[in-house]
Amino acid sequence: MSDNEALVVARQVLEYIEHLQNSREIPEIPERFAHDINFLNYRKKIIELRNVLTAFTRGDLSVPITSKGFIAGSCKSLQAHLRHMVWMVNQVEAADYDQRIDFLGELSISFNNMVLRLKQTTDALLQKEEALTELAISLQKEAKRRSETLQELKKSEQRFKYLAQHDPLTDLLNRRSFFSFAEMALESASSLNNPCCVCLLDVDDFKKFNDTFGHLEGDSALQHVVTHSLNTLRQTDIMGRYGGEEFIFLLNITEEAHGYAAAERIRLAIEKHAVSLENGDAAPLTVSIGIAVILPDNKTYDYAAKLRLGIAKADAALYEAKAHGKNQTCMAR
């Protein structure tokens, strides 16, 4: 082959290699080099490097590099660095912020700075999260404490309200509370055109009982009266402590005859059951009861006045029961 022919072949090879390097599509093999082993091997290496670089641009680092030489070796080294970098990124994603790169120049610096900032940010967030968790726990404890305090206050309020309305010895309504509830019951009964009965009960010879057995046994006697009285009353009836050894009842929606019968049941129950004393003995106890009927009256709506008038009549009847020998029930005239 002459020098001119060799120059022409060299130019054809260079043109093909340049076309192979710059063209998106792989050019066809010139007919002249179709069976040239050296040309075909060199073409194969270049195509492999093309495929490797194309895969790198797509983020595919799995393409095998079988070629040898400086360029192929550089691609293998780059592939290994990139794979290691991917692994390190995965470690950072798993919260391992101790990863550092020192083989990719400016990229290494940027990566390391990014990881450092991530670590600082994460540490700051963890500190804030811990602080918020502690604050949340503290708030929960405070809310629980306040809730418990509020419940205690409500219980105390209910207790104070109960104490304000009830007699401490007998747990009955005190005089003021009895009047309040009785007036409401009278109003309700009057609206239905129904009568009620008011009763006054007084323990017979209570001073003598106290002098004989003592004041503590006297307290037990009053509780004894309350127990047996309540056992005979309906849930709609109202009982209160009027003062000392005297008790008051409002027999709700009750006519005169039924009121008298109810008062007698109370008197007989107390007479039948003696008071159990601390020493095991039993002491007899009787009561006197005065009763008055309160008729419905649509002309006046002063139920407090109606109640006071009924109590005055019941008191007079109670005085009559005492005057006639005690241990009896008298109906007001």
Protein backbone atom coordinates (compact mmCIF):
# COMPACT_ATOMS: atom_id res chain seq x y z
CA MET A 1 0.00 0.00 0.00
CA SER A 2 1.40 3.36 -1.05
CA ASP A 3 1.69 6.31 1.29
CA ASN A 4 -1.28 8.00 -0.38
CA GLU A 5 -3.44 4.93 0.05
CA ALA A 6 -2.42 4.60 3.71
CA LEU A 7 -3.30 8.27 4.25
CA VAL A 8 -6.70 7.77 2.69
CA VAL A 9 -7.38 4.72 4.95
CA ALA A 10 -6.26 6.65 8.04
CA ARG A 11 -8.60 9.53 7.13
CA GLN A 12 -11.50 7.10 6.66
CA VAL A 13 -10.81 5.53 10.06
CA LEU A 14 -10.63 8.95 11.77
CA GLU A 15 -13.83 10.12 10.09
CA TYR A 16 -15.62 6.97 11.19
CA ILE A 17 -14.31 7.28 14.79
CA GLU A 18 -15.34 10.95 14.91
CA HIS A 19 -18.76 10.02 13.55
CA LEU A 20 -18.97 7.21 16.11
CA GLN A 21 -18.11 9.61 18.92
CA ASN A 22 -20.38 12.48 17.92
CA SER A 23 -23.38 10.87 16.27
CA ARG A 24 -26.44 9.78 18.31
CA GLU A 25 -26.81 6.73 16.06
CA ILE A 26 -24.03 4.20 15.57
CA PRO A 27 -22.85 4.44 11.92
CA GLU A 28 -22.70 1.41 9.68
CA ILE A 29 -19.32 -0.31 9.26
CA PRO A 30 -17.68 0.75 6.01
CA GLU A 31 -17.39 -2.11 3.57
CA ARG A 32 -13.66 -1.64 3.48
CA PHE A 33 -13.32 -2.42 7.25
CA ALA A 34 -16.04 -5.06 7.55
CA HIS A 35 -13.51 -7.84 8.03
CA ASP A 36 -10.71 -5.91 9.68
CA ILE A 37 -10.33 -7.46 13.18
CA ASN A 38 -8.40 -4.52 14.63
CA PHE A 39 -10.95 -2.03 13.35
CA LEU A 40 -13.85 -4.15 14.63
CA ASN A 41 -12.27 -4.58 18.12
CA TYR A 42 -11.57 -0.86 18.38
CA ARG A 43 -15.12 -0.07 17.26
CA LYS A 44 -16.46 -2.50 19.88
CA LYS A 45 -14.51 -0.73 22.67
CA ILE A 46 -15.80 2.66 21.66
CA ILE A 47 -19.40 1.41 21.45
CA GLU A 48 -19.06 -0.14 24.91
CA LEU A 49 -17.78 3.15 26.35
CA ARG A 50 -20.64 4.96 24.60
CA ASN A 51 -23.12 2.59 26.24
CA VAL A 52 -21.46 3.01 29.64
CA LEU A 53 -21.54 6.81 29.46
CA THR A 54 -25.14 6.73 28.22
CA ALA A 55 -26.10 4.52 31.18
CA PHE A 56 -24.29 6.88 33.58
CA THR A 57 -26.33 9.81 32.27
CA ARG A 58 -29.50 7.83 33.08
CA GLY A 59 -28.25 7.01 36.58
CA ASP A 60 -27.66 3.35 35.74
CA LEU A 61 -24.40 2.28 37.38
CA SER A 62 -24.91 -1.44 36.81
CA VAL A 63 -23.55 -1.64 33.25
CA PRO A 64 -20.51 -3.97 33.16
CA ILE A 65 -17.24 -2.58 31.72
CA THR A 66 -15.19 -5.32 30.08
CA SER A 67 -12.82 -3.16 28.09
CA LYS A 68 -9.31 -2.45 29.26
CA GLY A 69 -7.11 0.54 29.01
CA PHE A 70 -6.89 4.00 30.54
CA ILE A 71 -10.31 5.30 29.49
CA ALA A 72 -12.08 2.08 30.43
CA GLY A 73 -10.21 2.05 33.73
CA SER A 74 -11.25 5.65 34.40
CA CYS A 75 -14.88 4.75 33.71
CA LYS A 76 -14.58 1.79 36.08
CA SER A 77 -13.13 4.07 38.77
CA LEU A 78 -15.89 6.64 38.22
CA GLN A 79 -18.48 3.86 38.35
CA ALA A 80 -17.08 2.58 41.63
CA HIS A 81 -17.00 6.11 43.14
CA LEU A 82 -20.56 6.77 42.07
CA ARG A 83 -21.76 3.43 43.46
CA HIS A 84 -20.02 4.20 46.76
CA MET A 85 -21.61 7.64 46.76
CA VAL A 86 -25.05 6.10 46.24
CA TRP A 87 -24.39 3.78 49.17
CA MET A 88 -23.35 6.74 51.32
CA VAL A 89 -26.50 8.66 50.33
CA ASN A 90 -28.54 5.65 51.41
CA GLN A 91 -26.69 5.68 54.73
CA VAL A 92 -27.48 9.37 55.18
CA GLU A 93 -31.11 8.64 54.34
CA ALA A 94 -31.00 6.09 57.19
CA ALA A 95 -29.85 8.91 59.54
CA ASP A 96 -26.12 8.04 59.48
CA TYR A 97 -24.65 11.53 59.27
CA ASP A 98 -21.03 10.48 59.75
CA GLN A 99 -20.55 9.73 56.03
CA ARG A 100 -17.90 11.83 54.21
CA ILE A 101 -16.60 11.85 50.60
CA ASP A 102 -13.03 12.81 49.69
CA PHE A 103 -12.64 11.52 46.12
CA LEU A 104 -14.92 13.76 44.02
CA GLY A 105 -13.39 17.21 44.48
CA GLU A 106 -15.97 20.02 44.74
CA LEU A 107 -18.79 17.48 44.78
CA SER A 108 -17.20 15.96 47.87
CA ILE A 109 -17.13 19.36 49.59
CA SER A 110 -20.76 20.05 48.72
CA PHE A 111 -21.85 16.58 49.80
CA ASN A 112 -19.98 16.79 53.10
CA ASN A 113 -21.39 20.26 53.82
CA MET A 114 -24.89 19.02 53.02
CA VAL A 115 -24.53 16.05 55.39
CA LEU A 116 -23.17 18.31 58.12
CA ARG A 117 -26.10 20.72 57.77
CA LEU A 118 -28.53 17.80 57.78
CA LYS A 119 -26.96 16.54 61.00
CA GLN A 120 -27.16 19.99 62.61
CA THR A 121 -30.75 20.46 61.47
CA THR A 122 -31.74 16.98 62.63
CA ASP A 123 -30.06 17.50 66.01
CA ALA A 124 -31.88 20.81 66.41
CA LEU A 125 -35.20 19.19 65.46
CA LEU A 126 -34.60 16.36 67.91
CA GLN A 127 -33.89 18.85 70.67
CA LYS A 128 -37.07 20.76 69.81
CA GLU A 129 -39.02 17.50 69.64
CA GLU A 130 -37.70 16.47 73.06
CA ALA A 131 -38.58 19.90 74.43
CA LEU A 132 -42.07 19.69 72.89
CA THR A 133 -42.52 16.18 74.26
CA GLU A 134 -41.52 17.33 77.73
CA LEU A 135 -43.86 20.31 77.37
CA ALA A 136 -46.70 18.05 76.20
CA ILE A 137 -46.13 15.71 79.16
CA SER A 138 -46.02 18.69 81.49
CA LEU A 139 -49.23 20.08 79.99
CA GLN A 140 -50.92 16.69 80.30
CA LYS A 141 -49.90 16.48 83.94
CA GLU A 142 -51.09 20.04 84.55
CA ALA A 143 -54.37 19.33 82.74
CA LYS A 144 -54.83 16.18 84.80
CA ARG A 145 -54.02 18.08 88.01
CA ARG A 146 -56.47 20.84 87.12
CA SER A 147 -59.13 18.31 86.16
CA GLU A 148 -58.66 16.51 89.47
CA THR A 149 -58.74 19.85 91.29
CA LEU A 150 -61.92 20.80 89.43
CA GLN A 151 -63.50 17.47 90.33
CA GLU A 152 -62.54 17.99 93.95
CA LEU A 153 -63.98 21.50 93.84
CA LYS A 154 -67.20 20.15 92.35
CA LYS A 155 -67.35 17.48 95.04
CA SER A 156 -66.66 20.10 97.69
CA GLU A 157 -69.28 22.37 96.18
CA GLN A 158 -71.81 19.54 96.17
CA ARG A 159 -70.82 18.65 99.71
CA PHE A 160 -71.13 22.23 100.94
CA LYS A 161 -74.44 22.55 99.14
CA TYR A 162 -75.63 19.34 100.78
CA LEU A 163 -74.45 20.53 104.20
CA ALA A 164 -76.17 23.85 103.66
CA GLN A 165 -79.45 22.08 102.90
CA HIS A 166 -79.36 19.22 105.43
CA ASP A 167 -79.29 18.70 109.13
CA PRO A 168 -75.89 17.23 110.12
CA LEU A 169 -77.28 14.80 112.73
CA THR A 170 -80.21 13.27 110.85
CA ASP A 171 -79.28 14.02 107.19
CA LEU A 172 -82.81 15.39 106.75
CA LEU A 173 -83.57 18.67 105.03
CA ASN A 174 -83.02 21.56 107.41
CA ARG A 175 -85.84 23.97 108.12
CA ARG A 176 -85.01 26.45 105.38
CA SER A 177 -84.53 23.78 102.69
CA PHE A 178 -87.74 22.01 103.74
CA PHE A 179 -89.71 25.21 103.23
CA SER A 180 -88.15 25.69 99.78
CA PHE A 181 -88.98 22.16 98.57
CA ALA A 182 -92.40 22.12 100.23
CA GLU A 183 -93.44 25.39 98.56
CA MET A 184 -92.53 23.95 95.14
CA ALA A 185 -94.50 20.77 95.91
CA LEU A 186 -97.53 22.85 96.97
CA GLU A 187 -97.36 24.84 93.75
CA SER A 188 -97.23 21.66 91.67
CA ALA A 189 -100.11 20.05 93.60
CA SER A 190 -102.21 23.21 93.38
CA SER A 191 -101.78 23.32 89.61
CA LEU A 192 -103.34 19.84 89.53
CA ASN A 193 -106.06 20.92 92.02
CA ASN A 194 -104.81 18.41 94.61
CA PRO A 195 -104.53 18.87 98.40
CA CYS A 196 -101.49 18.22 100.58
CA CYS A 197 -101.06 17.56 104.27
CA VAL A 198 -98.46 19.08 106.57
CA CYS A 199 -97.50 17.28 109.80
CA LEU A 200 -95.51 18.25 112.87
CA LEU A 201 -94.00 15.43 114.94
CA ASP A 202 -92.59 15.90 118.43
CA VAL A 203 -90.81 13.25 120.48
CA ASP A 204 -92.66 12.71 123.77
CA ASP A 205 -90.73 13.44 126.97
CA PHE A 206 -87.44 13.87 125.09
CA LYS A 207 -85.82 15.89 127.91
CA LYS A 208 -86.52 13.02 130.30
CA PHE A 209 -84.98 10.58 127.77
CA ASN A 210 -81.84 12.73 127.55
CA ASP A 211 -81.60 13.09 131.32
CA THR A 212 -82.00 9.33 131.77
CA PHE A 213 -79.76 7.97 129.03
CA GLY A 214 -77.54 10.91 128.03
CA HIS A 215 -77.36 13.20 125.05
CA LEU A 216 -75.54 10.71 122.78
CA GLU A 217 -78.37 8.23 123.26
CA GLY A 218 -80.73 11.16 122.65
CA ASP A 219 -79.08 11.67 119.26
CA SER A 220 -79.57 7.97 118.53
CA ALA A 221 -83.23 8.34 119.46
CA LEU A 222 -83.69 11.17 116.95
CA GLN A 223 -82.02 9.07 114.26
CA HIS A 224 -84.30 6.19 115.26
CA VAL A 225 -87.34 8.43 114.67
CA VAL A 226 -86.01 9.46 111.24
CA THR A 227 -85.34 5.87 110.15
CA HIS A 228 -88.80 4.57 110.99
CA SER A 229 -90.50 7.69 109.61
CA LEU A 230 -88.77 7.48 106.25
CA ASN A 231 -89.60 3.78 106.01
CA THR A 232 -93.30 4.63 105.97
CA LEU A 233 -93.17 7.63 103.61
CA ARG A 234 -93.49 7.70 99.83
CA GLN A 235 -90.67 9.05 97.66
CA THR A 236 -92.83 12.06 96.80
CA ASP A 237 -93.28 13.00 100.48
CA ILE A 238 -90.86 15.45 102.11
CA MET A 239 -89.43 15.25 105.64
CA GLY A 240 -87.28 17.78 107.45
CA ARG A 241 -85.96 18.61 110.90
CA TYR A 242 -88.00 21.47 112.27
CA GLY A 243 -85.87 22.01 115.36
CA GLY A 244 -84.71 20.11 118.44
CA GLU A 245 -86.81 16.94 118.74
CA GLU A 246 -89.44 18.23 116.33
CA PHE A 247 -89.82 17.07 112.70
CA ILE A 248 -91.99 18.28 109.83
CA PHE A 249 -93.54 16.42 106.88
CA LEU A 250 -95.30 17.41 103.69
CA LEU A 251 -97.47 14.54 102.49
CA ASN A 252 -97.65 15.40 98.82
CA ILE A 253 -101.01 15.14 96.99
CA THR A 254 -102.74 13.63 100.01
CA GLU A 255 -106.29 14.09 101.23
CA GLU A 256 -107.17 14.52 104.91
CA ALA A 257 -108.08 10.88 105.61
CA HIS A 258 -105.02 9.50 103.84
CA GLY A 259 -102.81 12.07 105.58
CA TYR A 260 -104.10 11.05 108.97
CA ALA A 261 -103.53 7.37 108.14
CA ALA A 262 -99.97 8.09 107.03
CA ALA A 263 -99.22 10.01 110.23
CA GLU A 264 -100.61 7.16 112.30
CA ARG A 265 -98.36 4.67 110.48
CA ILE A 266 -95.37 6.79 111.43
CA ARG A 267 -96.46 7.06 115.09
CA LEU A 268 -97.18 3.34 115.41
CA ALA A 269 -93.87 2.34 113.75
CA ILE A 270 -91.92 4.39 116.29
CA GLU A 271 -94.02 3.09 119.21
CA LYS A 272 -93.55 -0.50 118.06
CA HIS A 273 -89.74 -0.30 117.78
CA ALA A 274 -87.84 0.64 120.89
CA VAL A 275 -84.55 2.53 120.71
CA SER A 276 -81.47 0.28 120.86
CA LEU A 277 -79.05 1.68 123.46
CA GLU A 278 -75.27 1.40 123.43
CA ASN A 279 -75.28 -1.06 126.36
CA GLY A 280 -77.62 -3.42 124.51
CA ASP A 281 -80.78 -2.41 126.31
CA ALA A 282 -83.85 -1.02 124.57
CA ALA A 283 -85.75 2.10 125.55
CA PRO A 284 -89.36 2.76 124.57
CA LEU A 285 -90.11 5.96 122.65
CA THR A 286 -93.33 7.59 121.52
CA VAL A 287 -94.21 10.63 119.46
CA SER A 288 -97.14 13.01 119.07
CA ILE A 289 -98.23 14.29 115.67
CA GLY A 290 -100.35 17.23 114.59
CA ILE A 291 -101.65 17.29 111.01
CA ALA A 292 -103.39 19.87 108.84
CA VAL A 293 -104.66 19.71 105.27
CA ILE A 294 -103.70 22.41 102.74
CA LEU A 295 -106.41 22.66 100.11
CA PRO A 296 -105.73 23.93 96.58
CA ASP A 297 -106.62 27.59 96.19
CA ASN A 298 -106.47 29.29 92.81
CA LYS A 299 -107.17 32.68 94.36
CA THR A 300 -103.71 33.10 95.85
CA TYR A 301 -100.31 32.01 94.65
CA ASP A 302 -98.46 32.79 97.86
CA TYR A 303 -97.46 29.21 98.61
CA ALA A 304 -95.13 30.27 101.43
CA ALA A 305 -98.11 31.85 103.20
CA LYS A 306 -100.20 28.73 102.58
CA LEU A 307 -97.46 26.59 104.08
CA ARG A 308 -97.07 28.84 107.14
CA LEU A 309 -100.83 28.73 107.74
CA GLY A 310 -100.85 24.94 107.42
CA ILE A 311 -97.94 24.64 109.86
CA ALA A 312 -99.71 26.89 112.36
CA LYS A 313 -102.77 24.62 112.21
CA ALA A 314 -100.62 21.48 112.51
CA ASP A 315 -98.83 23.02 115.50
CA ALA A 316 -102.16 23.66 117.22
CA ALA A 317 -103.17 20.05 116.54
CA LEU A 318 -99.82 18.87 117.95
CA TYR A 319 -100.44 20.91 121.11
CA GLU A 320 -103.84 19.22 121.41
CA ALA A 321 -102.24 15.77 121.04
CA LYS A 322 -99.80 16.61 123.82
CA ALA A 323 -102.59 17.95 126.02
CA HIS A 324 -104.63 14.76 125.59
CA GLY A 325 -101.95 12.38 126.81
CA LYS A 326 -99.30 12.28 124.05
CA ASN A 327 -98.50 9.32 121.76
CA GLN A 328 -101.37 10.16 119.42
CA THR A 329 -102.19 11.92 116.17
CA CYS A 330 -104.56 14.88 116.04
CA MET A 331 -106.08 16.45 112.93
CA ALA A 332 -106.41 20.23 112.89
CA ARG A 333 -109.99 21.53 113.12
